[in-house]
Amino acid sequence: MELNSQRVRGLAPENDPLKIGMGWSVEDLDKPQILVESTFGDSHPGSAHLNQFVDEAIRGITDAGAKGARYFTTDICDGIAQGHDGINYSLVHRDMIANMIEIHGNSTGFDGGVFIASCDKSVPACLMGLARLDMPSIVITGGVMDAGPDLLTLEQIGMYSAMCKRGEITDEKLNYYKQHACPSCGACSFMGTASTMQIMAEALGLMLPGSALMPATCEDLKEIAYQAGKQVTELAKKGIKASDIVTMKAFENAIMVHAAISGSTNSLLHIPAMAHELGLELDADTFDKMHRGAHYLLDIRPAGKWPAQFFYYAGGVPAVMEEIKSRLHLDVMTVTGKTLGENLEELKQNGFYQKCEKYLEPWGIKRTDVIRPFGNPIGNDGTVGILRGNLAPEGSVVKHSAVPKEMFKAVLKAKPFDCEEDAIEAVLTHKIQPGDAVFIRYEGPKGSGMPEMFYTTEAISSDPELGKSIALITDGRFSGASKGPAIGHVSPEAADGGPIALVEDDDLIHIDIPNRILEIIGIKGQELPKKEVDKILEERKKAWKPKPQKYTKGVLKIYSEHAVSPMKGGYME
């Protein structure tokens, strides 16, 4: 088998002298050449520590007889981008990182790739990028940060901020929480999008078994990076490509794990986007179908009790897979060169679980306190549902495991807002009352880049009365840390003239999560027959005029012109 790097050398006589010019030896030129792409940079705790893993991966590649090349595409942090228009760049920068990975990999000619990232958009960007390259690939994730004093974690800051604005805690108390919520590098210590996507990368078979969501401060993570460097060289020599591993069966495994961990709703953007890059169609209905009847096992924040570092202490992805083994395709190939079933058996033999459980001993808890047994789940109907109706003909997403039972079936009065700033002010100043449905629209991919509505969800869920009596409905998305009665990704979005753009004050909104319904059933507080509602919506549609494009230059203009529906993955085409 001719290596791609050697084929390219034969086509470009400048290749050898240019690589020699940056310090390669003549002998290096004949070796398998491995792209080592990371999002390292002084951008946030999820990326500031990644270069140590780059170095370990390079060392592993070298010891395996190959030559590694470092490339960097730094990501941004959703947390730092919150509260201003910076959050509008969050989703589009996923696609930009994937673009750069594609450019780096295809412009040079590599035989394999190691992809190193930790966070919300950088991990899915790596998955999309390696799918485009479709070469032998392995993922290393930067783990999760430690919790702070009294197990303080970052997702609680939004709640404390809302409490401070309502006068329930002092500025001094809020500042204490802010100064102690992030005591180390790594992804935020809850089951948000970053943690979910690390787990998804392993569940897809692209990581060494048991390596997702390890504590970033754990020395074992460096050893994992070294072993990953060695293993990707073996994959390159054997020609085992990403598409040989990430098949539809692998995606189905990942969705079953997603249900078991109560994964972030943003996964319904990222997993379909990766599938699209591989030429596979994975729609939101697949998530809904597979979540139904699935056992939800993980007691990790924000829906559960423990910080995310406890996930690894309890055995990580392999422990979850052991519990749901009867629902998985055990014959799928993984980056070890072995099947998933073989990996799980090997972990039981090599002491992996005993090693993990030692981390639980100081806390006086058992593995089953964190990852419930299959027969004793937290819930048995998955965690995510796809709602449809005349308000969301193409669908919408709800994490029903985080919704109060009182809101599973409700009829609410619409209170529409055309941006998040107006909505959150209405919530905090008590203009929103029990029985209202808060709409935030024109926040989809074409509207404003599809930012997350984190502060509004926190303001609602931290209010004991509103958190159980109103809903938030948006064509935008939510933070993976969000909890409460929140329905997002409403499609078609308002900027496309979807029905969400037609909602007016006091329209009656029917939510029925068990039956997956989201619909307008009345006008101005009065319930009407379906035909009458449809007729009124048709009249409103004729009178509706698109808003001027929010961005007239730059990357957000490009994104708004080319992004697909949230229910398809929000990628650009």
Protein backbone atom coordinates (compact mmCIF):
# COMPACT_ATOMS: atom_id res chain seq x y z
CA MET A 1 0.00 0.00 0.00
CA GLU A 2 1.46 3.35 -1.06
CA LEU A 3 1.24 5.99 1.65
CA ASN A 4 -0.44 9.25 0.69
CA SER A 5 2.58 11.26 1.89
CA GLN A 6 4.88 9.35 -0.46
CA ARG A 7 2.49 9.79 -3.37
CA VAL A 8 2.47 13.56 -2.79
CA ARG A 9 6.29 13.61 -2.57
CA GLY A 10 6.41 12.10 -6.01
CA LEU A 11 4.14 14.79 -7.40
CA ALA A 12 5.81 17.83 -5.79
CA PRO A 13 9.62 18.01 -5.99
CA GLU A 14 9.58 21.02 -3.63
CA ASN A 15 8.09 18.85 -0.87
CA ASP A 16 11.37 17.36 0.40
CA PRO A 17 13.51 20.52 0.52
CA LEU A 18 10.79 22.53 2.25
CA LYS A 19 10.42 19.92 5.00
CA ILE A 20 14.17 19.65 5.39
CA GLY A 21 14.19 23.43 5.76
CA MET A 22 12.09 23.20 8.94
CA GLY A 23 14.33 20.58 10.52
CA TRP A 24 13.22 17.23 9.12
CA SER A 25 15.94 14.71 8.38
CA VAL A 26 16.19 12.90 5.08
CA GLU A 27 15.17 9.74 6.93
CA ASP A 28 12.01 11.45 8.24
CA LEU A 29 10.80 11.99 4.69
CA ASP A 30 10.36 8.24 4.11
CA LYS A 31 8.30 7.69 7.28
CA PRO A 32 4.48 7.75 7.60
CA GLN A 33 3.52 11.37 8.15
CA ILE A 34 0.90 12.20 10.79
CA LEU A 35 -1.07 15.42 11.19
CA VAL A 36 -1.37 16.42 14.87
CA GLU A 37 -4.14 19.03 14.95
CA SER A 38 -5.18 20.72 18.18
CA THR A 39 -7.12 23.74 19.40
CA PHE A 40 -4.32 24.69 21.82
CA GLY A 41 -4.21 28.39 22.66
CA ASP A 42 -4.56 30.81 25.54
CA SER A 43 -8.27 31.05 24.82
CA HIS A 44 -9.91 29.27 27.77
CA PRO A 45 -9.34 26.39 30.24
CA GLY A 46 -10.47 23.80 27.70
CA SER A 47 -7.58 24.59 25.36
CA ALA A 48 -4.81 26.28 27.37
CA HIS A 49 -3.39 22.92 28.54
CA LEU A 50 -3.57 20.94 25.30
CA ASN A 51 0.01 21.40 24.11
CA GLN A 52 1.28 18.86 26.65
CA PHE A 53 -0.90 16.25 24.95
CA VAL A 54 0.34 17.38 21.53
CA ASP A 55 3.90 16.75 22.73
CA GLU A 56 3.00 13.31 24.08
CA ALA A 57 1.24 12.36 20.85
CA ILE A 58 4.29 13.45 18.84
CA ARG A 59 6.50 11.34 21.12
CA GLY A 60 4.26 8.32 20.55
CA ILE A 61 4.27 8.88 16.79
CA THR A 62 8.06 9.14 16.79
CA ASP A 63 8.53 5.99 18.86
CA ALA A 64 6.23 4.12 16.46
CA GLY A 65 8.47 5.01 13.53
CA ALA A 66 6.48 7.87 11.98
CA LYS A 67 6.87 11.64 11.77
CA GLY A 68 4.34 14.00 13.35
CA ALA A 69 3.57 17.58 12.34
CA ARG A 70 1.89 20.06 14.71
CA TYR A 71 -0.97 22.21 13.40
CA PHE A 72 -3.16 24.56 15.49
CA THR A 73 -6.65 26.03 15.09
CA THR A 74 -7.56 27.67 18.39
CA ASP A 75 -11.20 27.69 19.44
CA ILE A 76 -13.28 30.19 21.41
CA CYS A 77 -15.17 29.63 24.66
CA ASP A 78 -18.95 29.90 24.85
CA GLY A 79 -18.68 30.98 28.48
CA ILE A 80 -16.37 33.89 27.69
CA ALA A 81 -18.53 34.79 24.68
CA GLN A 82 -21.72 34.97 26.81
CA GLY A 83 -23.64 38.16 27.43
CA HIS A 84 -22.60 39.94 24.22
CA ASP A 85 -22.64 39.35 20.48
CA GLY A 86 -19.55 37.16 20.76
CA ILE A 87 -21.83 34.18 21.36
CA ASN A 88 -23.14 34.55 17.81
CA TYR A 89 -19.76 33.28 16.59
CA SER A 90 -19.98 30.09 18.60
CA LEU A 91 -21.64 27.70 16.16
CA VAL A 92 -20.06 29.10 13.01
CA HIS A 93 -16.58 28.67 14.46
CA ARG A 94 -17.23 24.92 14.58
CA ASP A 95 -17.46 24.95 10.80
CA MET A 96 -14.45 27.26 10.45
CA ILE A 97 -12.24 24.90 12.50
CA ALA A 98 -13.47 21.97 10.40
CA ASN A 99 -12.59 23.97 7.29
CA MET A 100 -9.05 24.57 8.54
CA ILE A 101 -8.60 20.90 9.41
CA GLU A 102 -9.70 19.99 5.90
CA ILE A 103 -7.25 22.54 4.46
CA HIS A 104 -4.35 21.43 6.65
CA GLY A 105 -4.88 17.76 5.92
CA ASN A 106 -5.53 17.92 2.20
CA SER A 107 -3.04 20.62 1.22
CA THR A 108 -0.04 18.73 2.57
CA GLY A 109 -0.73 15.04 2.19
CA PHE A 110 -0.78 13.08 5.44
CA ASP A 111 -1.20 9.41 6.19
CA GLY A 112 -3.13 9.82 9.43
CA GLY A 113 -4.24 12.34 12.00
CA VAL A 114 -4.44 12.92 15.73
CA PHE A 115 -7.09 15.44 16.75
CA ILE A 116 -6.87 17.07 20.18
CA ALA A 117 -9.64 19.23 21.67
CA SER A 118 -11.86 19.50 24.73
CA CYS A 119 -14.86 21.69 24.23
CA ASP A 120 -18.30 22.46 22.87
CA LYS A 121 -17.46 23.26 19.24
CA SER A 122 -13.85 22.13 18.99
CA VAL A 123 -14.56 18.42 19.52
CA PRO A 124 -17.40 18.33 16.93
CA ALA A 125 -15.21 20.45 14.61
CA CYS A 126 -12.52 17.80 14.84
CA LEU A 127 -15.09 15.08 14.15
CA MET A 128 -16.36 16.94 11.10
CA GLY A 129 -12.84 17.68 9.90
CA LEU A 130 -11.54 14.14 10.23
CA ALA A 131 -14.68 12.89 8.50
CA ARG A 132 -13.91 15.12 5.52
CA LEU A 133 -10.31 13.92 5.41
CA ASP A 134 -11.40 10.28 5.90
CA MET A 135 -7.94 9.07 6.73
CA PRO A 136 -6.70 6.97 9.67
CA SER A 137 -7.63 9.14 12.66
CA ILE A 138 -7.73 9.13 16.45
CA VAL A 139 -9.14 11.67 18.90
CA ILE A 140 -7.63 12.77 22.20
CA THR A 141 -9.75 14.96 24.45
CA GLY A 142 -8.38 17.31 27.09
CA GLY A 143 -10.53 15.99 29.89
CA VAL A 144 -12.63 17.84 32.44
CA MET A 145 -11.71 20.43 35.05
CA ASP A 146 -11.93 19.75 38.77
CA ALA A 147 -14.87 21.04 40.76
CA GLY A 148 -14.32 23.94 43.14
CA PRO A 149 -15.00 24.25 46.90
CA ASP A 150 -18.11 22.37 48.02
CA LEU A 151 -18.19 20.86 44.51
CA LEU A 152 -18.92 24.26 42.94
CA THR A 153 -19.13 24.06 39.12
CA LEU A 154 -19.39 26.71 36.43
CA GLU A 155 -22.96 26.02 35.32
CA GLN A 156 -24.11 27.28 38.73
CA ILE A 157 -22.75 30.78 38.02
CA GLY A 158 -25.67 31.68 35.73
CA MET A 159 -28.08 30.74 38.51
CA TYR A 160 -26.14 32.75 41.11
CA SER A 161 -25.93 35.72 38.74
CA ALA A 162 -29.72 35.71 38.28
CA MET A 163 -30.15 35.41 42.06
CA CYS A 164 -27.86 38.39 42.55
CA LYS A 165 -29.84 40.49 40.06
CA ARG A 166 -33.01 39.64 41.98
CA GLY A 167 -31.32 40.67 45.25
CA GLU A 168 -31.30 37.14 46.69
CA ILE A 169 -27.52 37.01 47.23
CA THR A 170 -24.89 39.75 47.61
CA ASP A 171 -22.34 40.90 45.06
CA GLU A 172 -19.62 39.60 47.39
CA LYS A 173 -21.14 36.12 47.41
CA LEU A 174 -21.44 36.11 43.61
CA ASN A 175 -17.80 37.20 43.28
CA TYR A 176 -16.70 34.35 45.56
CA TYR A 177 -18.50 31.84 43.36
CA LYS A 178 -17.02 33.40 40.20
CA GLN A 179 -13.49 33.24 41.59
CA HIS A 180 -13.68 29.57 42.63
CA ALA A 181 -15.78 27.87 39.92
CA CYS A 182 -12.88 26.96 37.58
CA PRO A 183 -9.94 25.68 39.66
CA SER A 184 -8.13 23.92 36.79
CA CYS A 185 -7.96 23.48 33.04
CA GLY A 186 -10.28 21.12 31.21
CA ALA A 187 -13.87 21.19 29.98
CA CYS A 188 -16.49 22.55 32.38
CA SER A 189 -17.35 20.01 35.05
CA PHE A 190 -20.93 19.13 34.14
CA MET A 191 -22.66 17.17 31.39
CA GLY A 192 -22.78 20.08 28.99
CA THR A 193 -21.92 19.99 25.32
CA ALA A 194 -18.16 19.72 25.89
CA SER A 195 -18.48 16.69 28.17
CA THR A 196 -21.15 15.15 25.95
CA MET A 197 -19.08 15.49 22.79
CA GLN A 198 -15.99 14.01 24.44
CA ILE A 199 -18.14 11.01 25.32
CA MET A 200 -19.63 10.91 21.81
CA ALA A 201 -16.14 10.77 20.28
CA GLU A 202 -15.34 7.67 22.34
CA ALA A 203 -18.77 6.13 21.76
CA LEU A 204 -18.17 6.45 18.01
CA GLY A 205 -15.01 4.34 18.38
CA LEU A 206 -12.54 7.17 17.69
CA MET A 207 -10.81 7.30 21.10
CA LEU A 208 -8.83 4.85 23.16
CA PRO A 209 -11.29 3.04 25.47
CA GLY A 210 -11.97 4.80 28.76
CA SER A 211 -10.18 8.01 27.84
CA ALA A 212 -13.10 10.43 27.41
CA LEU A 213 -13.72 12.95 30.17
CA MET A 214 -10.76 11.99 32.34
CA PRO A 215 -9.81 14.73 34.83
CA ALA A 216 -7.52 17.14 32.97
CA THR A 217 -5.12 17.08 35.92
CA CYS A 218 -4.78 13.27 35.82
CA GLU A 219 -1.34 12.05 34.77
CA ASP A 220 -3.01 9.11 33.00
CA LEU A 221 -4.17 11.51 30.29
CA LYS A 222 -0.59 12.11 29.15
CA GLU A 223 -0.06 8.38 28.82
CA ILE A 224 -3.27 8.14 26.78
CA ALA A 225 -1.95 10.83 24.41
CA TYR A 226 1.34 8.96 24.00
CA GLN A 227 -0.45 5.67 23.28
CA ALA A 228 -2.79 7.43 20.83
CA GLY A 229 0.24 8.68 18.89
CA LYS A 230 1.55 5.14 18.63
CA GLN A 231 -1.83 3.69 17.70
CA VAL A 232 -2.60 6.18 14.91
CA THR A 233 0.66 5.13 13.29
CA GLU A 234 -0.56 1.54 13.29
CA LEU A 235 -3.87 2.63 11.78
CA ALA A 236 -1.98 4.52 9.07
CA LYS A 237 0.15 1.51 8.23
CA LYS A 238 -2.97 -0.67 7.97
CA GLY A 239 -5.02 1.94 6.11
CA ILE A 240 -7.96 1.84 8.57
CA LYS A 241 -9.84 5.04 7.79
CA ALA A 242 -12.38 7.04 9.80
CA SER A 243 -15.22 5.75 7.60
CA ASP A 244 -14.24 2.17 8.42
CA ILE A 245 -14.97 2.95 12.08
CA VAL A 246 -17.74 5.56 12.04
CA THR A 247 -20.56 3.66 10.36
CA MET A 248 -24.31 3.99 10.91
CA LYS A 249 -24.00 1.28 13.57
CA ALA A 250 -21.42 3.42 15.38
CA PHE A 251 -23.77 6.42 15.26
CA GLU A 252 -26.55 4.29 16.72
CA ASN A 253 -24.22 3.24 19.55
CA ALA A 254 -23.42 6.88 20.24
CA ILE A 255 -27.11 7.82 20.37
CA MET A 256 -27.80 5.04 22.89
CA VAL A 257 -24.94 6.35 25.05
CA HIS A 258 -26.32 9.87 24.60
CA ALA A 259 -29.65 8.71 26.03
CA ALA A 260 -27.96 7.00 28.97
CA ILE A 261 -25.97 10.09 29.97
CA SER A 262 -28.70 12.72 29.34
CA GLY A 263 -26.41 14.34 26.80
CA SER A 264 -26.60 17.92 25.59
CA THR A 265 -29.26 18.87 23.04
CA ASN A 266 -26.46 20.45 20.99
CA SER A 267 -25.46 16.91 20.03
CA LEU A 268 -28.43 17.03 17.67
CA LEU A 269 -26.52 19.70 15.77
CA HIS A 270 -23.12 18.05 15.88
CA ILE A 271 -23.74 14.33 15.34
CA PRO A 272 -25.89 14.85 12.19
CA ALA A 273 -23.30 17.34 10.89
CA MET A 274 -20.55 14.72 11.21
CA ALA A 275 -22.73 12.07 9.59
CA HIS A 276 -23.34 14.44 6.69
CA GLU A 277 -19.58 14.75 6.15
CA LEU A 278 -19.41 10.96 5.83
CA GLY A 279 -22.29 10.87 3.36
CA LEU A 280 -24.71 9.43 5.91
CA GLU A 281 -28.11 10.92 6.70
CA LEU A 282 -28.87 10.94 10.40
CA ASP A 283 -31.97 12.97 11.19
CA ALA A 284 -33.38 14.10 14.52
CA ASP A 285 -36.15 11.51 14.32
CA THR A 286 -33.48 8.84 14.75
CA PHE A 287 -32.57 10.39 18.10
CA ASP A 288 -36.24 10.49 19.11
CA LYS A 289 -36.86 6.90 18.07
CA MET A 290 -33.78 5.54 19.84
CA HIS A 291 -34.32 7.59 23.00
CA ARG A 292 -37.81 6.19 23.45
CA GLY A 293 -37.55 3.39 25.98
CA ALA A 294 -33.82 4.01 26.55
CA HIS A 295 -32.56 3.89 30.12
CA TYR A 296 -31.16 7.13 31.55
CA LEU A 297 -28.44 6.20 34.05
CA LEU A 298 -26.04 9.05 34.76
CA ASP A 299 -26.39 11.14 37.94
CA ILE A 300 -24.14 14.01 36.76
CA ARG A 301 -24.93 17.74 36.74
CA PRO A 302 -26.75 19.75 35.53
CA ALA A 303 -29.65 17.27 35.74
CA GLY A 304 -27.93 15.15 38.39
CA LYS A 305 -25.91 15.42 41.59
CA TRP A 306 -22.21 15.00 40.87
CA PRO A 307 -19.60 17.04 38.92
CA ALA A 308 -18.40 15.53 35.66
CA GLN A 309 -15.04 14.37 37.01
CA PHE A 310 -17.01 11.64 38.82
CA PHE A 311 -17.93 10.17 35.43
CA TYR A 312 -14.40 8.84 34.97
CA TYR A 313 -14.21 7.77 38.62
CA ALA A 314 -17.24 5.56 37.98
CA GLY A 315 -15.71 3.91 34.90
CA GLY A 316 -16.54 6.38 32.14
CA VAL A 317 -17.91 5.41 28.76
CA PRO A 318 -17.04 1.70 29.16
CA ALA A 319 -19.06 1.48 32.39
CA VAL A 320 -22.08 3.07 30.69
CA MET A 321 -21.68 0.71 27.74
CA GLU A 322 -21.53 -2.31 30.04
CA GLU A 323 -24.91 -1.33 31.48
CA ILE A 324 -26.56 -0.84 28.07
CA LYS A 325 -24.62 -3.58 26.29
CA SER A 326 -27.81 -5.33 25.16
CA ARG A 327 -28.70 -2.20 23.13
CA LEU A 328 -25.32 -1.78 21.39
CA HIS A 329 -23.69 -3.08 18.21
CA LEU A 330 -20.68 -4.82 19.74
CA ASP A 331 -19.22 -5.84 16.39
CA VAL A 332 -18.25 -2.32 15.25
CA MET A 333 -14.57 -1.56 14.58
CA THR A 334 -12.72 0.94 16.81
CA VAL A 335 -9.37 2.74 16.72
CA THR A 336 -7.78 -0.07 18.74
CA GLY A 337 -8.13 -2.25 15.66
CA LYS A 338 -10.50 -4.40 17.72
CA THR A 339 -14.27 -4.45 18.00
CA LEU A 340 -16.19 -2.63 20.71
CA GLY A 341 -17.07 -5.96 22.32
CA GLU A 342 -13.40 -6.98 22.42
CA ASN A 343 -12.44 -3.64 23.98
CA LEU A 344 -15.04 -3.99 26.74
CA GLU A 345 -13.86 -7.51 27.59
CA GLU A 346 -10.23 -6.37 27.67
CA LEU A 347 -11.03 -3.53 30.09
CA LYS A 348 -12.64 -5.98 32.51
CA GLN A 349 -9.47 -8.07 32.43
CA ASN A 350 -6.85 -5.32 32.79
CA GLY A 351 -8.06 -3.70 36.03
CA PHE A 352 -9.47 -0.53 34.45
CA TYR A 353 -12.57 -0.38 36.67
CA GLN A 354 -10.66 -1.09 39.86
CA LYS A 355 -8.25 1.73 39.03
CA CYS A 356 -11.12 4.16 38.43
CA GLU A 357 -12.98 3.21 41.59
CA LYS A 358 -10.02 4.16 43.78
CA TYR A 359 -10.84 7.77 42.93
CA LEU A 360 -14.32 7.28 44.44
CA GLU A 361 -13.09 5.93 47.78
CA PRO A 362 -12.31 9.33 49.37
CA TRP A 363 -15.88 10.42 48.65
CA GLY A 364 -17.46 7.36 50.26
CA ILE A 365 -19.62 6.58 47.26
CA LYS A 366 -19.96 3.65 44.87
CA ARG A 367 -19.87 3.45 41.08
CA THR A 368 -23.61 2.82 41.06
CA ASP A 369 -24.19 6.15 42.84
CA VAL A 370 -22.92 7.86 39.68
CA ILE A 371 -23.81 5.40 36.90
CA ARG A 372 -27.01 3.60 37.83
CA PRO A 373 -27.47 -0.09 36.96
CA PHE A 374 -29.56 -0.72 33.86
CA GLY A 375 -32.32 -2.23 36.01
CA ASN A 376 -32.47 0.81 38.32
CA PRO A 377 -32.41 3.80 35.95
CA ILE A 378 -33.13 7.43 36.75
CA GLY A 379 -35.59 7.29 33.84
CA ASN A 380 -36.60 4.74 31.24
CA ASP A 381 -37.74 6.87 28.29
CA GLY A 382 -34.47 8.46 27.22
CA THR A 383 -33.76 12.13 27.74
CA VAL A 384 -34.42 13.95 24.44
CA GLY A 385 -37.57 14.30 22.36
CA ILE A 386 -38.45 15.84 19.00
CA LEU A 387 -41.66 17.89 19.11
CA ARG A 388 -43.64 18.75 15.99
CA GLY A 389 -46.83 20.57 15.05
CA ASN A 390 -47.94 23.71 13.27
CA LEU A 391 -45.42 25.71 15.32
CA ALA A 392 -42.49 23.47 14.36
CA PRO A 393 -43.31 21.57 11.14
CA GLU A 394 -39.69 20.42 10.75
CA GLY A 395 -39.27 19.74 14.45
CA SER A 396 -37.90 21.12 17.70
CA VAL A 397 -35.77 19.68 20.50
CA VAL A 398 -36.46 19.29 24.21
CA LYS A 399 -34.37 17.62 26.88
CA HIS A 400 -37.33 16.25 28.78
CA SER A 401 -35.15 14.75 31.50
CA ALA A 402 -34.52 18.33 32.64
CA VAL A 403 -38.15 19.49 32.35
CA PRO A 404 -40.36 19.61 35.49
CA LYS A 405 -43.13 17.03 35.26
CA GLU A 406 -45.67 19.85 35.63
CA MET A 407 -44.65 21.10 32.18
CA PHE A 408 -44.87 17.80 30.27
CA LYS A 409 -48.40 18.77 29.17
CA ALA A 410 -49.44 22.41 29.19
CA VAL A 411 -51.35 25.14 27.38
CA LEU A 412 -49.56 28.48 27.72
CA LYS A 413 -49.99 32.08 26.53
CA ALA A 414 -47.33 33.26 24.08
CA LYS A 415 -45.05 36.18 24.91
CA PRO A 416 -42.83 36.63 21.83
CA PHE A 417 -39.51 38.52 21.74
CA ASP A 418 -37.28 39.06 18.73
CA CYS A 419 -34.01 38.87 20.70
CA GLU A 420 -32.77 37.35 23.96
CA GLU A 421 -31.95 40.68 25.62
CA ASP A 422 -35.61 41.72 25.71
CA ALA A 423 -36.74 38.31 26.91
CA ILE A 424 -34.37 38.06 29.84
CA GLU A 425 -35.29 41.55 31.01
CA ALA A 426 -38.95 40.57 31.00
CA VAL A 427 -38.18 37.45 33.05
CA LEU A 428 -36.01 39.24 35.62
CA THR A 429 -38.46 42.12 36.06
CA HIS A 430 -41.41 39.73 36.56
CA LYS A 431 -43.24 40.83 33.43
CA ILE A 432 -43.42 37.13 32.64
CA GLN A 433 -46.05 35.34 34.73
CA PRO A 434 -46.90 31.70 35.40
CA GLY A 435 -48.68 30.22 32.40
CA ASP A 436 -46.64 32.17 29.83
CA ALA A 437 -44.61 30.77 26.94
CA VAL A 438 -41.57 32.98 26.36
CA PHE A 439 -40.54 33.02 22.69
CA ILE A 440 -37.08 34.11 21.59
CA ARG A 441 -36.93 34.15 17.80
CA TYR A 442 -34.71 35.34 14.95
CA GLU A 443 -31.89 33.56 16.80
CA GLY A 444 -31.51 30.60 14.42
CA PRO A 445 -28.53 30.03 12.08
CA LYS A 446 -29.83 32.44 9.43
CA GLY A 447 -31.08 34.94 12.00
CA SER A 448 -28.06 35.58 14.20
CA GLY A 449 -25.77 32.54 14.01
CA MET A 450 -27.80 30.41 16.44
CA PRO A 451 -26.43 31.53 19.80
CA GLU A 452 -27.41 29.76 23.00
CA MET A 453 -30.07 31.20 25.30
CA PHE A 454 -28.13 30.37 28.47
CA TYR A 455 -28.87 33.38 30.64
CA THR A 456 -32.60 33.26 29.98
CA THR A 457 -32.84 29.57 30.82
CA GLU A 458 -30.88 30.16 34.03
CA ALA A 459 -33.10 33.08 34.97
CA ILE A 460 -36.17 30.87 34.51
CA SER A 461 -34.89 27.66 36.10
CA SER A 462 -33.50 29.53 39.14
CA ASP A 463 -36.92 31.07 39.82
CA PRO A 464 -38.86 28.53 41.95
CA GLU A 465 -42.23 29.65 40.57
CA LEU A 466 -41.44 30.30 36.90
CA GLY A 467 -39.24 27.21 36.56
CA LYS A 468 -42.32 25.01 36.96
CA SER A 469 -44.96 27.12 35.26
CA ILE A 470 -43.63 28.62 32.01
CA ALA A 471 -41.75 27.45 28.91
CA LEU A 472 -38.99 28.97 26.80
CA ILE A 473 -39.35 28.30 23.07
CA THR A 474 -36.72 29.41 20.54
CA ASP A 475 -35.25 28.85 17.10
CA GLY A 476 -31.89 29.33 18.82
CA ARG A 477 -30.22 26.72 20.96
CA PHE A 478 -29.34 26.15 24.60
CA SER A 479 -26.20 25.63 26.58
CA GLY A 480 -25.53 22.01 27.39
CA ALA A 481 -25.81 23.17 31.01
CA SER A 482 -29.37 24.37 30.57
CA LYS A 483 -32.19 22.83 32.52
CA GLY A 484 -35.87 23.54 32.89
CA PRO A 485 -38.79 23.88 30.46
CA ALA A 486 -36.80 24.82 27.35
CA ILE A 487 -37.62 23.90 23.72
CA GLY A 488 -35.10 24.86 21.05
CA HIS A 489 -34.03 24.41 17.42
CA VAL A 490 -37.60 25.28 16.29
CA SER A 491 -37.63 24.77 12.53
CA PRO A 492 -38.14 26.39 10.12
CA GLU A 493 -36.56 29.33 11.95
CA ALA A 494 -38.09 32.81 12.07
CA ALA A 495 -35.60 34.29 9.59
CA ASP A 496 -36.86 31.71 7.07
CA GLY A 497 -40.45 32.70 7.70
CA GLY A 498 -41.20 29.70 9.90
CA PRO A 499 -44.40 29.70 11.99
CA ILE A 500 -42.42 30.85 15.04
CA ALA A 501 -42.17 34.24 13.29
CA LEU A 502 -45.96 34.47 13.15
CA VAL A 503 -46.68 34.00 16.87
CA GLU A 504 -48.37 36.97 18.57
CA ASP A 505 -49.08 37.91 22.18
CA ASP A 506 -51.45 35.55 23.99
CA ASP A 507 -51.63 32.94 21.23
CA LEU A 508 -52.31 29.63 22.96
CA ILE A 509 -49.39 27.17 22.78
CA HIS A 510 -49.97 23.48 23.38
CA ILE A 511 -46.99 21.47 24.65
CA ASP A 512 -47.34 17.70 24.94
CA ILE A 513 -43.96 16.08 25.48
CA PRO A 514 -45.16 12.45 25.80
CA ASN A 515 -46.93 12.74 22.43
CA ARG A 516 -44.19 14.97 20.94
CA ILE A 517 -46.52 17.90 20.11
CA LEU A 518 -45.75 21.63 19.85
CA GLU A 519 -48.57 23.61 18.27
CA ILE A 520 -50.58 26.81 18.24
CA ILE A 521 -54.16 25.98 19.25
CA GLY A 522 -55.67 29.41 19.91
CA ILE A 523 -55.51 33.11 19.14
CA LYS A 524 -55.58 35.99 21.65
CA GLY A 525 -56.22 33.63 24.54
CA GLN A 526 -59.13 31.82 22.88
CA GLU A 527 -58.87 28.20 21.77
CA LEU A 528 -60.06 27.71 18.18
CA PRO A 529 -60.64 24.80 15.76
CA LYS A 530 -57.52 23.81 13.84
CA LYS A 531 -58.90 25.10 10.52
CA GLU A 532 -59.44 28.56 11.97
CA VAL A 533 -55.97 28.67 13.48
CA ASP A 534 -54.43 27.57 10.18
CA LYS A 535 -56.38 30.26 8.30
CA ILE A 536 -55.18 32.99 10.67
CA LEU A 537 -51.59 31.78 10.37
CA GLU A 538 -51.90 31.88 6.58
CA GLU A 539 -53.09 35.49 6.76
CA ARG A 540 -50.20 36.39 9.07
CA LYS A 541 -47.77 34.70 6.72
CA LYS A 542 -48.96 36.84 3.80
CA ALA A 543 -48.40 39.98 5.86
CA TRP A 544 -45.02 38.86 7.25
CA LYS A 545 -41.89 40.57 5.95
CA PRO A 546 -38.35 39.27 6.48
CA LYS A 547 -36.17 41.28 8.81
CA PRO A 548 -33.09 42.91 7.26
CA GLN A 549 -30.10 40.59 7.40
CA LYS A 550 -28.40 41.16 10.75
CA TYR A 551 -24.87 40.73 9.42
CA THR A 552 -23.84 42.37 6.16
CA LYS A 553 -20.16 41.38 6.13
CA GLY A 554 -17.75 38.84 7.53
CA VAL A 555 -18.10 35.24 8.55
CA LEU A 556 -21.57 35.60 10.09
CA LYS A 557 -22.89 36.94 6.79
CA ILE A 558 -21.43 33.91 5.02
CA TYR A 559 -22.86 31.57 7.65
CA SER A 560 -26.34 33.09 7.60
CA GLU A 561 -26.46 32.70 3.81
CA HIS A 562 -25.32 29.06 3.75
CA ALA A 563 -26.44 27.41 7.01
CA VAL A 564 -28.99 24.61 6.85
CA SER A 565 -31.86 24.11 9.29
CA PRO A 566 -31.06 23.47 12.95
CA MET A 567 -32.80 20.11 12.64
CA LYS A 568 -30.30 19.09 9.96
CA GLY A 569 -27.24 20.13 11.95
CA GLY A 570 -26.80 23.84 11.24
CA TYR A 571 -23.79 23.17 9.00
CA MET A 572 -22.97 25.24 5.93
CA GLU A 573 -23.62 23.99 2.46
